[in-house]
PDB file of N, CA and C in Angstrom:
ATOM      1  N   MET A   1    -136.200   0.422  48.840  1.00  0.00           N
ATOM      2  CA  MET A   1    -137.344  -0.386  48.502  1.00  0.00           C
ATOM      3  C   MET A   1    -136.881  -1.509  47.587  1.00  0.00           C
ATOM      4  N   LYS A   2    -137.409  -2.693  47.793  1.00  0.00           N
ATOM      5  CA  LYS A   2    -137.034  -3.860  46.996  1.00  0.00           C
ATOM      6  C   LYS A   2    -138.025  -4.048  45.863  1.00  0.00           C
ATOM      7  N   ARG A   3    -137.517  -4.346  44.682  1.00  0.00           N
ATOM      8  CA  ARG A   3    -138.366  -4.590  43.514  1.00  0.00           C
ATOM      9  C   ARG A   3    -138.704  -6.072  43.468  1.00  0.00           C
ATOM     10  N   THR A   4    -139.991  -6.374  43.228  1.00  0.00           N
ATOM     11  CA  THR A   4    -140.471  -7.751  43.134  1.00  0.00           C
ATOM     12  C   THR A   4    -141.349  -7.877  41.913  1.00  0.00           C
ATOM     13  N   THR A   5    -141.231  -8.984  41.216  1.00  0.00           N
ATOM     14  CA  THR A   5    -142.063  -9.248  40.048  1.00  0.00           C
ATOM     15  C   THR A   5    -143.122 -10.268  40.427  1.00  0.00           C
ATOM     16  N   LEU A   6    -144.371  -9.967  40.088  1.00  0.00           N
ATOM     17  CA  LEU A   6    -145.478 -10.878  40.363  1.00  0.00           C
ATOM     18  C   LEU A   6    -146.106 -11.319  39.058  1.00  0.00           C
ATOM     19  N   SER A   7    -146.529 -12.564  39.003  1.00  0.00           N
ATOM     20  CA  SER A   7    -147.315 -13.056  37.873  1.00  0.00           C
ATOM     21  C   SER A   7    -148.761 -13.099  38.322  1.00  0.00           C
ATOM     22  N   LEU A   8    -149.618 -12.388  37.604  1.00  0.00           N
ATOM     23  CA  LEU A   8    -151.025 -12.298  37.969  1.00  0.00           C
ATOM     24  C   LEU A   8    -151.896 -12.876  36.865  1.00  0.00           C
ATOM     25  N   PRO A   9    -152.983 -13.541  37.233  1.00  0.00           N
ATOM     26  CA  PRO A   9    -153.946 -13.946  36.204  1.00  0.00           C
ATOM     27  C   PRO A   9    -154.508 -12.684  35.532  1.00  0.00           C
ATOM     28  N   ASP A  10    -154.950 -12.827  34.305  1.00  0.00           N
ATOM     29  CA  ASP A  10    -155.417 -11.670  33.541  1.00  0.00           C
ATOM     30  C   ASP A  10    -156.492 -10.867  34.274  1.00  0.00           C
ATOM     31  N   ASP A  11    -157.462 -11.557  34.882  1.00  0.00           N
ATOM     32  CA  ASP A  11    -158.542 -10.826  35.543  1.00  0.00           C
ATOM     33  C   ASP A  11    -158.044 -10.022  36.737  1.00  0.00           C
ATOM     34  N   LEU A  12    -157.076 -10.554  37.472  1.00  0.00           N
ATOM     35  CA  LEU A  12    -156.520  -9.825  38.608  1.00  0.00           C
ATOM     36  C   LEU A  12    -155.665  -8.648  38.133  1.00  0.00           C
ATOM     37  N   ALA A  13    -154.911  -8.842  37.067  1.00  0.00           N
ATOM     38  CA  ALA A  13    -154.099  -7.753  36.513  1.00  0.00           C
ATOM     39  C   ALA A  13    -154.999  -6.617  36.015  1.00  0.00           C
ATOM     40  N   GLN A  14    -156.120  -6.971  35.392  1.00  0.00           N
ATOM     41  CA  GLN A  14    -157.064  -5.951  34.913  1.00  0.00           C
ATOM     42  C   GLN A  14    -157.696  -5.208  36.084  1.00  0.00           C
ATOM     43  N   ALA A  15    -158.050  -5.945  37.136  1.00  0.00           N
ATOM     44  CA  ALA A  15    -158.648  -5.299  38.312  1.00  0.00           C
ATOM     45  C   ALA A  15    -157.638  -4.360  38.973  1.00  0.00           C
ATOM     46  N   LEU A  16    -156.389  -4.767  39.028  1.00  0.00           N
ATOM     47  CA  LEU A  16    -155.335  -3.934  39.613  1.00  0.00           C
ATOM     48  C   LEU A  16    -155.159  -2.652  38.794  1.00  0.00           C
ATOM     49  N   ALA A  17    -155.099  -2.789  37.488  1.00  0.00           N
ATOM     50  CA  ALA A  17    -154.951  -1.611  36.618  1.00  0.00           C
ATOM     51  C   ALA A  17    -156.160  -0.686  36.741  1.00  0.00           C
ATOM     52  N   ARG A  18    -157.359  -1.264  36.800  1.00  0.00           N
ATOM     53  CA  ARG A  18    -158.584  -0.468  36.939  1.00  0.00           C
ATOM     54  C   ARG A  18    -158.581   0.305  38.260  1.00  0.00           C
ATOM     55  N   GLU A  19    -158.171  -0.363  39.358  1.00  0.00           N
ATOM     56  CA  GLU A  19    -158.131   0.305  40.663  1.00  0.00           C
ATOM     57  C   GLU A  19    -157.070   1.399  40.677  1.00  0.00           C
ATOM     58  N   ALA A  20    -155.944   1.172  40.033  1.00  0.00           N
ATOM     59  CA  ALA A  20    -154.895   2.194  39.953  1.00  0.00           C
ATOM     60  C   ALA A  20    -155.414   3.431  39.213  1.00  0.00           C
ATOM     61  N   ARG A  21    -156.129   3.218  38.106  1.00  0.00           N
ATOM     62  CA  ARG A  21    -156.708   4.347  37.367  1.00  0.00           C
ATOM     63  C   ARG A  21    -157.736   5.079  38.225  1.00  0.00           C
ATOM     64  N   ARG A  22    -158.572   4.309  38.932  1.00  0.00           N
ATOM     65  CA  ARG A  22    -159.610   4.919  39.775  1.00  0.00           C
ATOM     66  C   ARG A  22    -158.998   5.810  40.847  1.00  0.00           C
ATOM     67  N   ARG A  23    -157.865   5.364  41.421  1.00  0.00           N
ATOM     68  CA  ARG A  23    -157.197   6.129  42.481  1.00  0.00           C
ATOM     69  C   ARG A  23    -156.223   7.173  41.939  1.00  0.00           C
ATOM     70  N   SER A  24    -156.014   7.167  40.644  1.00  0.00           N
ATOM     71  CA  SER A  24    -155.016   8.050  40.010  1.00  0.00           C
ATOM     72  C   SER A  24    -153.644   7.826  40.616  1.00  0.00           C
ATOM     73  N   THR A  25    -153.244   6.572  40.682  1.00  0.00           N
ATOM     74  CA  THR A  25    -151.936   6.206  41.225  1.00  0.00           C
ATOM     75  C   THR A  25    -151.392   5.023  40.432  1.00  0.00           C
ATOM     76  N   SER A  26    -150.260   4.521  40.828  1.00  0.00           N
ATOM     77  CA  SER A  26    -149.652   3.406  40.105  1.00  0.00           C
ATOM     78  C   SER A  26    -150.199   2.057  40.599  1.00  0.00           C
ATOM     79  N   ALA A  27    -150.074   1.054  39.736  1.00  0.00           N
ATOM     80  CA  ALA A  27    -150.455  -0.302  40.130  1.00  0.00           C
ATOM     81  C   ALA A  27    -149.581  -0.761  41.293  1.00  0.00           C
ATOM     82  N   SER A  28    -148.332  -0.348  41.322  1.00  0.00           N
ATOM     83  CA  SER A  28    -147.433  -0.721  42.426  1.00  0.00           C
ATOM     84  C   SER A  28    -147.947  -0.184  43.754  1.00  0.00           C
ATOM     85  N   ALA A  29    -148.430   1.053  43.761  1.00  0.00           N
ATOM     86  CA  ALA A  29    -148.948   1.646  45.002  1.00  0.00           C
ATOM     87  C   ALA A  29    -150.187   0.896  45.487  1.00  0.00           C
ATOM     88  N   VAL A  30    -151.060   0.517  44.556  1.00  0.00           N
ATOM     89  CA  VAL A  30    -152.267  -0.231  44.928  1.00  0.00           C
ATOM     90  C   VAL A  30    -151.871  -1.601  45.475  1.00  0.00           C
ATOM     91  N   ALA A  31    -150.923  -2.268  44.820  1.00  0.00           N
ATOM     92  CA  ALA A  31    -150.479  -3.590  45.278  1.00  0.00           C
ATOM     93  C   ALA A  31    -149.822  -3.498  46.653  1.00  0.00           C
ATOM     94  N   ARG A  32    -148.983  -2.469  46.871  1.00  0.00           N
ATOM     95  CA  ARG A  32    -148.351  -2.295  48.186  1.00  0.00           C
ATOM     96  C   ARG A  32    -149.392  -2.099  49.271  1.00  0.00           C
ATOM     97  N   ASP A  33    -150.390  -1.260  48.978  1.00  0.00           N
ATOM     98  CA  ASP A  33    -151.451  -0.996  49.949  1.00  0.00           C
ATOM     99  C   ASP A  33    -152.229  -2.273  50.272  1.00  0.00           C
ATOM    100  N   ALA A  34    -152.589  -3.030  49.241  1.00  0.00           N
ATOM    101  CA  ALA A  34    -153.357  -4.265  49.445  1.00  0.00           C
ATOM    102  C   ALA A  34    -152.550  -5.292  50.238  1.00  0.00           C
ATOM    103  N   LEU A  35    -151.269  -5.429  49.925  1.00  0.00           N
ATOM    104  CA  LEU A  35    -150.424  -6.375  50.658  1.00  0.00           C
ATOM    105  C   LEU A  35    -150.247  -5.958  52.107  1.00  0.00           C
ATOM    106  N   ALA A  36    -150.040  -4.685  52.347  1.00  0.00           N
ATOM    107  CA  ALA A  36    -149.880  -4.198  53.719  1.00  0.00           C
ATOM    108  C   ALA A  36    -151.130  -4.473  54.540  1.00  0.00           C
ATOM    109  N   LYS A  37    -152.302  -4.236  53.950  1.00  0.00           N
ATOM    110  CA  LYS A  37    -153.557  -4.497  54.664  1.00  0.00           C
ATOM    111  C   LYS A  37    -153.748  -5.989  54.894  1.00  0.00           C
ATOM    112  N   HIS A  38    -153.450  -6.797  53.896  1.00  0.00           N
ATOM    113  CA  HIS A  38    -153.618  -8.246  54.020  1.00  0.00           C
ATOM    114  C   HIS A  38    -152.681  -8.839  55.072  1.00  0.00           C
ATOM    115  N   LEU A  39    -151.482  -8.281  55.175  1.00  0.00           N
ATOM    116  CA  LEU A  39    -150.485  -8.785  56.122  1.00  0.00           C
ATOM    117  C   LEU A  39    -150.522  -8.048  57.459  1.00  0.00           C
ATOM    118  N   TYR A  40    -151.549  -7.216  57.651  1.00  0.00           N
ATOM    119  CA  TYR A  40    -151.748  -6.475  58.902  1.00  0.00           C
ATOM    120  C   TYR A  40    -150.531  -5.627  59.253  1.00  0.00           C
ATOM    121  N   LEU A  41    -150.010  -4.915  58.269  1.00  0.00           N
ATOM    122  CA  LEU A  41    -148.843  -4.053  58.465  1.00  0.00           C
ATOM    123  C   LEU A  41    -149.205  -2.580  58.360  1.00  0.00           C
ATOM    124  N   VAL A  42    -150.492  -2.254  58.490  1.00  0.00           N
ATOM    125  CA  VAL A  42    -150.939  -0.875  58.392  1.00  0.00           C
ATOM    126  C   VAL A  42    -150.715  -0.193  59.734  1.00  0.00           C
ATOM    127  N   PRO A  43    -149.915   0.879  59.761  1.00  0.00           N
ATOM    128  CA  PRO A  43    -149.650   1.573  61.025  1.00  0.00           C
ATOM    129  C   PRO A  43    -150.955   2.059  61.665  1.00  0.00           C
ATOM    130  N   GLY A  44    -151.055   1.861  62.954  1.00  0.00           N
ATOM    131  CA  GLY A  44    -152.217   2.323  63.692  1.00  0.00           C
ATOM    132  C   GLY A  44    -153.374   1.343  63.745  1.00  0.00           C
ATOM    133  N   GLU A  45    -153.303   0.265  62.962  1.00  0.00           N
ATOM    134  CA  GLU A  45    -154.359  -0.747  62.990  1.00  0.00           C
ATOM    135  C   GLU A  45    -153.875  -1.951  63.779  1.00  0.00           C
ATOM    136  N   ALA A  46    -154.719  -2.446  64.646  1.00  0.00           N
ATOM    137  CA  ALA A  46    -154.357  -3.599  65.468  1.00  0.00           C
ATOM    138  C   ALA A  46    -154.344  -4.870  64.624  1.00  0.00           C
ATOM    139  N   ARG A  47    -153.354  -5.701  64.872  1.00  0.00           N
ATOM    140  CA  ARG A  47    -153.269  -6.998  64.212  1.00  0.00           C
ATOM    141  C   ARG A  47    -154.139  -7.982  64.983  1.00  0.00           C
ATOM    142  N   PRO A  48    -154.970  -8.764  64.282  1.00  0.00           N
ATOM    143  CA  PRO A  48    -155.821  -9.715  64.991  1.00  0.00           C
ATOM    144  C   PRO A  48    -154.982 -10.782  65.695  1.00  0.00           C
ATOM    145  N   VAL A  49    -155.434 -11.180  66.839  1.00  0.00           N
ATOM    146  CA  VAL A  49    -154.753 -12.221  67.611  1.00  0.00           C
ATOM    147  C   VAL A  49    -155.576 -13.497  67.442  1.00  0.00           C
ATOM    148  N   PRO A  50    -155.061 -14.493  66.710  1.00  0.00           N
ATOM    149  CA  PRO A  50    -155.868 -15.658  66.356  1.00  0.00           C
ATOM    150  C   PRO A  50    -156.300 -16.513  67.541  1.00  0.00           C
ATOM    151  N   PHE A  51    -155.628 -16.401  68.651  1.00  0.00           N
ATOM    152  CA  PHE A  51    -155.969 -17.252  69.794  1.00  0.00           C
ATOM    153  C   PHE A  51    -156.682 -16.465  70.891  1.00  0.00           C
ATOM    154  N   ALA A  52    -157.199 -15.291  70.587  1.00  0.00           N
ATOM    155  CA  ALA A  52    -157.809 -14.436  71.604  1.00  0.00           C
ATOM    156  C   ALA A  52    -159.030 -15.066  72.258  1.00  0.00           C
ATOM    157  N   ALA A  53    -159.732 -15.929  71.564  1.00  0.00           N
ATOM    158  CA  ALA A  53    -160.951 -16.523  72.120  1.00  0.00           C
ATOM    159  C   ALA A  53    -160.701 -17.896  72.740  1.00  0.00           C
ATOM    160  N   LEU A  54    -159.468 -18.218  73.066  1.00  0.00           N
ATOM    161  CA  LEU A  54    -159.178 -19.530  73.640  1.00  0.00           C
ATOM    162  C   LEU A  54    -159.942 -19.780  74.931  1.00  0.00           C
ATOM    163  N   GLY A  55    -160.201 -18.742  75.686  1.00  0.00           N
ATOM    164  CA  GLY A  55    -160.912 -18.905  76.946  1.00  0.00           C
ATOM    165  C   GLY A  55    -162.341 -19.356  76.771  1.00  0.00           C
ATOM    166  N   HIS A  56    -162.849 -19.313  75.551  1.00  0.00           N
ATOM    167  CA  HIS A  56    -164.225 -19.709  75.279  1.00  0.00           C
ATOM    168  C   HIS A  56    -164.275 -20.965  74.421  1.00  0.00           C
ATOM    169  N   SER A  57    -163.346 -21.860  74.641  1.00  0.00           N
ATOM    170  CA  SER A  57    -163.249 -23.041  73.790  1.00  0.00           C
ATOM    171  C   SER A  57    -164.256 -24.115  74.140  1.00  0.00           C
ATOM    172  N   GLY A  58    -164.801 -24.066  75.339  1.00  0.00           N
ATOM    173  CA  GLY A  58    -165.712 -25.117  75.763  1.00  0.00           C
ATOM    174  C   GLY A  58    -164.991 -26.306  76.378  1.00  0.00           C
ATOM    175  N   HIS A  59    -163.675 -26.246  76.418  1.00  0.00           N
ATOM    176  CA  HIS A  59    -162.881 -27.323  77.013  1.00  0.00           C
ATOM    177  C   HIS A  59    -162.473 -26.917  78.424  1.00  0.00           C
ATOM    178  N   ARG A  60    -162.460 -27.855  79.315  1.00  0.00           N
ATOM    179  CA  ARG A  60    -162.145 -27.562  80.711  1.00  0.00           C
ATOM    180  C   ARG A  60    -160.644 -27.471  80.976  1.00  0.00           C
ATOM    181  N   THR A  61    -159.820 -27.919  80.037  1.00  0.00           N
ATOM    182  CA  THR A  61    -158.370 -27.969  80.277  1.00  0.00           C
ATOM    183  C   THR A  61    -157.606 -26.880  79.543  1.00  0.00           C
ATOM    184  N   THR A  62    -158.295 -25.883  79.025  1.00  0.00           N
ATOM    185  CA  THR A  62    -157.638 -24.851  78.217  1.00  0.00           C
ATOM    186  C   THR A  62    -156.524 -24.149  78.993  1.00  0.00           C
ATOM    187  N   ALA A  63    -156.790 -23.736  80.213  1.00  0.00           N
ATOM    188  CA  ALA A  63    -155.778 -23.024  80.999  1.00  0.00           C
ATOM    189  C   ALA A  63    -154.572 -23.918  81.256  1.00  0.00           C
ATOM    190  N   ARG A  64    -154.823 -25.162  81.578  1.00  0.00           N
ATOM    191  CA  ARG A  64    -153.731 -26.091  81.863  1.00  0.00           C
ATOM    192  C   ARG A  64    -152.878 -26.340  80.617  1.00  0.00           C
ATOM    193  N   ASP A  65    -153.516 -26.385  79.449  1.00  0.00           N
ATOM    194  CA  ASP A  65    -152.827 -26.717  78.207  1.00  0.00           C
ATOM    195  C   ASP A  65    -152.402 -25.490  77.401  1.00  0.00           C
ATOM    196  N   MET A  66    -152.448 -24.302  78.006  1.00  0.00           N
ATOM    197  CA  MET A  66    -152.213 -23.055  77.290  1.00  0.00           C
ATOM    198  C   MET A  66    -150.887 -23.035  76.521  1.00  0.00           C
ATOM    199  N   GLU A  67    -149.802 -23.458  77.132  1.00  0.00           N
ATOM    200  CA  GLU A  67    -148.500 -23.418  76.449  1.00  0.00           C
ATOM    201  C   GLU A  67    -148.518 -24.256  75.176  1.00  0.00           C
ATOM    202  N   ASP A  68    -149.097 -25.448  75.231  1.00  0.00           N
ATOM    203  CA  ASP A  68    -149.182 -26.304  74.047  1.00  0.00           C
ATOM    204  C   ASP A  68    -150.081 -25.683  72.977  1.00  0.00           C
ATOM    205  N   LEU A  69    -151.201 -25.113  73.391  1.00  0.00           N
ATOM    206  CA  LEU A  69    -152.120 -24.482  72.447  1.00  0.00           C
ATOM    207  C   LEU A  69    -151.469 -23.302  71.735  1.00  0.00           C
ATOM    208  N   LEU A  70    -150.761 -22.466  72.482  1.00  0.00           N
ATOM    209  CA  LEU A  70    -150.075 -21.312  71.881  1.00  0.00           C
ATOM    210  C   LEU A  70    -148.993 -21.762  70.911  1.00  0.00           C
ATOM    211  N   ALA A  71    -148.206 -22.734  71.304  1.00  0.00           N
ATOM    212  CA  ALA A  71    -147.138 -23.230  70.440  1.00  0.00           C
ATOM    213  C   ALA A  71    -147.721 -23.772  69.134  1.00  0.00           C
ATOM    214  N   ARG A  72    -148.797 -24.526  69.227  1.00  0.00           N
ATOM    215  CA  ARG A  72    -149.444 -25.073  68.038  1.00  0.00           C
ATOM    216  C   ARG A  72    -149.981 -23.954  67.139  1.00  0.00           C
ATOM    217  N   GLU A  73    -150.643 -22.976  67.735  1.00  0.00           N
ATOM    218  CA  GLU A  73    -151.222 -21.865  66.973  1.00  0.00           C
ATOM    219  C   GLU A  73    -150.138 -21.061  66.271  1.00  0.00           C
ATOM    220  N   TRP A  74    -149.060 -20.762  66.969  1.00  0.00           N
ATOM    221  CA  TRP A  74    -147.976 -19.984  66.367  1.00  0.00           C
ATOM    222  C   TRP A  74    -147.276 -20.777  65.282  1.00  0.00           C
ATOM    223  N   ASP A  75    -147.119 -22.088  65.457  1.00  0.00           N
ATOM    224  CA  ASP A  75    -146.511 -22.915  64.412  1.00  0.00           C
ATOM    225  C   ASP A  75    -147.382 -22.917  63.162  1.00  0.00           C
ATOM    226  N   ASP A  76    -148.711 -23.049  63.324  1.00  0.00           N
ATOM    227  CA  ASP A  76    -149.627 -23.018  62.191  1.00  0.00           C
ATOM    228  C   ASP A  76    -149.567 -21.674  61.486  1.00  0.00           C
ATOM    229  N   ASP A  77    -149.534 -20.583  62.266  1.00  0.00           N
ATOM    230  CA  ASP A  77    -149.481 -19.240  61.692  1.00  0.00           C
ATOM    231  C   ASP A  77    -148.193 -19.051  60.894  1.00  0.00           C
ATOM    232  N   ALA A  78    -147.079 -19.526  61.411  1.00  0.00           N
ATOM    233  CA  ALA A  78    -145.789 -19.378  60.717  1.00  0.00           C
ATOM    234  C   ALA A  78    -145.792 -20.191  59.431  1.00  0.00           C
ATOM    235  N   ARG A  79    -146.393 -21.377  59.418  1.00  0.00           N
ATOM    236  CA  ARG A  79    -146.443 -22.201  58.228  1.00  0.00           C
ATOM    237  C   ARG A  79    -147.327 -21.585  57.149  1.00  0.00           C
ATOM    238  N   ASN A  80    -148.349 -20.835  57.543  1.00  0.00           N
ATOM    239  CA  ASN A  80    -149.284 -20.248  56.575  1.00  0.00           C
ATOM    240  C   ASN A  80    -148.762 -18.964  55.954  1.00  0.00           C
ATOM    241  N   ARG A  81    -147.625 -18.483  56.340  1.00  0.00           N
ATOM    242  CA  ARG A  81    -147.083 -17.241  55.753  1.00  0.00           C
ATOM    243  C   ARG A  81    -146.310 -17.505  54.524  1.00  0.00           C
TER     244      ARG A  81
END
């Protein structure tokens, strides 16, 4: 496991500590769980597919332009990580 240091605003650090106490676990465990859920890395849960509704775009050329649309969507997704 890799150790990482995070800087948190006071209110977020307090909320993290409060949740750790509520669960009777460490702040690290709560942070790992929250990050895994946020990044869709929870085993057994499906990751949302951002372009799943492309067929309902209202544009008549969606099928023809599919390769360009997918490339654009994946590039945007990679930049947002």
